[in-house]
Protein backbone atom coordinates (compact mmCIF):
# COMPACT_ATOMS: atom_id res chain seq x y z
CA GLU A 1 -318.91 96.93 97.91
CA TYR A 2 -315.85 95.28 96.46
CA VAL A 3 -312.82 96.02 98.64
CA ASP A 4 -309.22 96.36 97.57
CA GLN A 5 -306.06 97.60 99.25
CA LEU A 6 -303.36 99.91 97.92
CA THR A 7 -299.91 100.74 99.19
CA VAL A 8 -299.19 104.47 99.27
CA LYS A 9 -295.61 105.74 99.57
CA VAL A 10 -293.78 109.02 99.58
CA ILE A 11 -290.02 109.11 99.09
CA ALA A 12 -288.47 109.44 102.58
CA THR A 13 -286.19 112.30 101.50
CA SER A 14 -289.31 114.39 100.80
CA PHE A 15 -289.43 115.08 104.54
CA GLU A 16 -285.90 116.52 104.62
CA PRO A 17 -285.58 120.33 104.41
CA GLY A 18 -284.96 121.60 100.88
CA SER A 19 -281.60 123.29 100.27
CA THR A 20 -283.26 126.35 98.73
CA CYS A 21 -286.23 126.47 101.14
CA PRO A 22 -285.28 124.99 104.55
CA ASN A 23 -288.24 126.69 106.28
CA ASP A 24 -290.75 124.82 104.07
CA GLN A 25 -290.03 121.38 105.57
CA ILE A 26 -292.79 118.81 105.08
CA VAL A 27 -293.92 117.05 108.28
CA GLU A 28 -296.93 115.09 107.02
CA VAL A 29 -298.65 114.08 103.79
CA LEU A 30 -302.31 113.04 103.79
CA VAL A 31 -303.72 111.09 100.84
CA GLU A 32 -307.53 110.89 100.91
CA PHE A 33 -309.25 108.40 98.60
CA GLU A 34 -312.81 108.82 97.36
CA ASN A 35 -314.75 105.76 98.53
CA GLY A 36 -311.83 104.69 100.68
CA GLY A 37 -309.48 105.51 103.51
CA THR A 38 -306.79 108.08 104.14
CA ALA A 39 -303.05 107.42 104.16
CA ASP A 40 -301.20 109.44 106.81
CA LEU A 41 -297.54 109.58 105.80
CA ILE A 42 -294.94 110.96 108.21
CA PRO A 43 -291.11 110.86 108.34
CA ALA A 44 -291.11 107.81 110.65
CA ASN A 45 -293.63 105.99 108.42
CA PRO A 46 -293.53 107.11 104.75
CA GLU A 47 -295.66 104.14 103.63
CA SER A 48 -299.25 103.12 104.38
CA LYS A 49 -301.85 100.60 103.23
CA VAL A 50 -305.25 102.04 102.34
CA ARG A 51 -308.62 100.41 101.72
CA ILE A 52 -310.45 101.26 98.50
CA ASP A 53 -314.12 100.35 98.01
CA TYR A 54 -315.56 99.70 94.54
CA PRO A 55 -319.30 99.34 93.79
CA ILE A 56 -320.46 95.73 94.13
CA ASP A 57 -322.74 96.01 91.08
CA ASP A 58 -319.91 95.22 88.67
CA VAL A 59 -318.87 92.17 90.70
CA VAL A 60 -322.41 90.76 90.97
CA LEU A 61 -323.24 91.41 87.33
CA GLY A 62 -319.92 90.01 86.09
CA ARG A 63 -318.85 93.29 84.51
CA PRO A 64 -315.18 94.23 84.38
CA ILE A 65 -314.00 96.06 87.49
CA ASP A 66 -312.67 99.55 86.81
CA ASN A 67 -309.56 99.78 88.99
CA THR A 68 -309.36 103.56 88.62
CA TYR A 69 -309.45 105.46 91.89
CA ARG A 70 -309.57 109.16 92.75
CA TYR A 71 -307.56 110.80 95.50
CA SER A 72 -306.44 114.17 96.89
CA VAL A 73 -303.12 115.02 98.50
CA THR A 74 -302.60 117.47 101.37
CA VAL A 75 -299.04 118.48 102.28
CA ILE A 76 -298.55 119.81 105.82
CA ARG A 77 -295.44 121.84 106.57
CA ALA A 78 -293.59 122.54 109.82
CA ASP A 79 -295.04 126.08 109.98
CA GLY A 80 -298.58 124.63 109.89
CA THR A 81 -299.25 125.54 106.26
CA GLN A 82 -301.50 123.03 104.45
CA GLU A 83 -301.45 122.70 100.67
CA ARG A 84 -304.34 120.65 99.26
CA ASP A 85 -304.77 119.56 95.65
CA PRO A 86 -307.19 121.92 93.86
CA ALA A 87 -308.70 118.90 92.04
CA SER A 88 -308.70 115.14 92.54
CA ARG A 89 -306.03 113.02 90.91
CA THR A 90 -306.67 109.59 89.38
CA GLY A 91 -304.63 106.42 89.49
CA THR A 92 -304.70 102.70 88.81
CA ALA A 93 -301.40 101.44 90.26
CA ARG A 94 -301.48 98.98 93.16
CA VAL A 95 -298.50 100.84 94.64
CA LEU A 96 -298.90 104.61 94.52
CA VAL A 97 -295.61 106.50 94.89
CA LEU A 98 -296.18 110.22 95.42
CA SER A 99 -294.04 113.08 94.34
CA VAL A 100 -294.31 116.22 96.47
CA ASN A 101 -292.62 119.60 96.17
CA LYS A 102 -290.19 120.33 98.99
CA CYS A 103 -290.72 124.07 98.55
CA LYS A 104 -294.03 125.93 98.86
CA GLY A 105 -295.83 126.84 95.69
């Protein structure tokens, strides 16, 4: 497989309690990539590098590489609640900056 690496970030203030929902504080964000690794983002480390694997067929056959990747986000809150994406998201950026809701729902 063809290997690439992405940088995944979440804005550090996402981990601060929301003014309208202080009990919904985010403590961890997991970003799982299909055919790749998982970024584990926490307040002390809101950035991570993740390996993405692409099929080698395109490389060997000289076809263009499709840099699209699929991923799912799970937000874990201080009360133990986990909110996972209902469907995978797609991206192509080499640096993926996530936006997460401070409040549940």
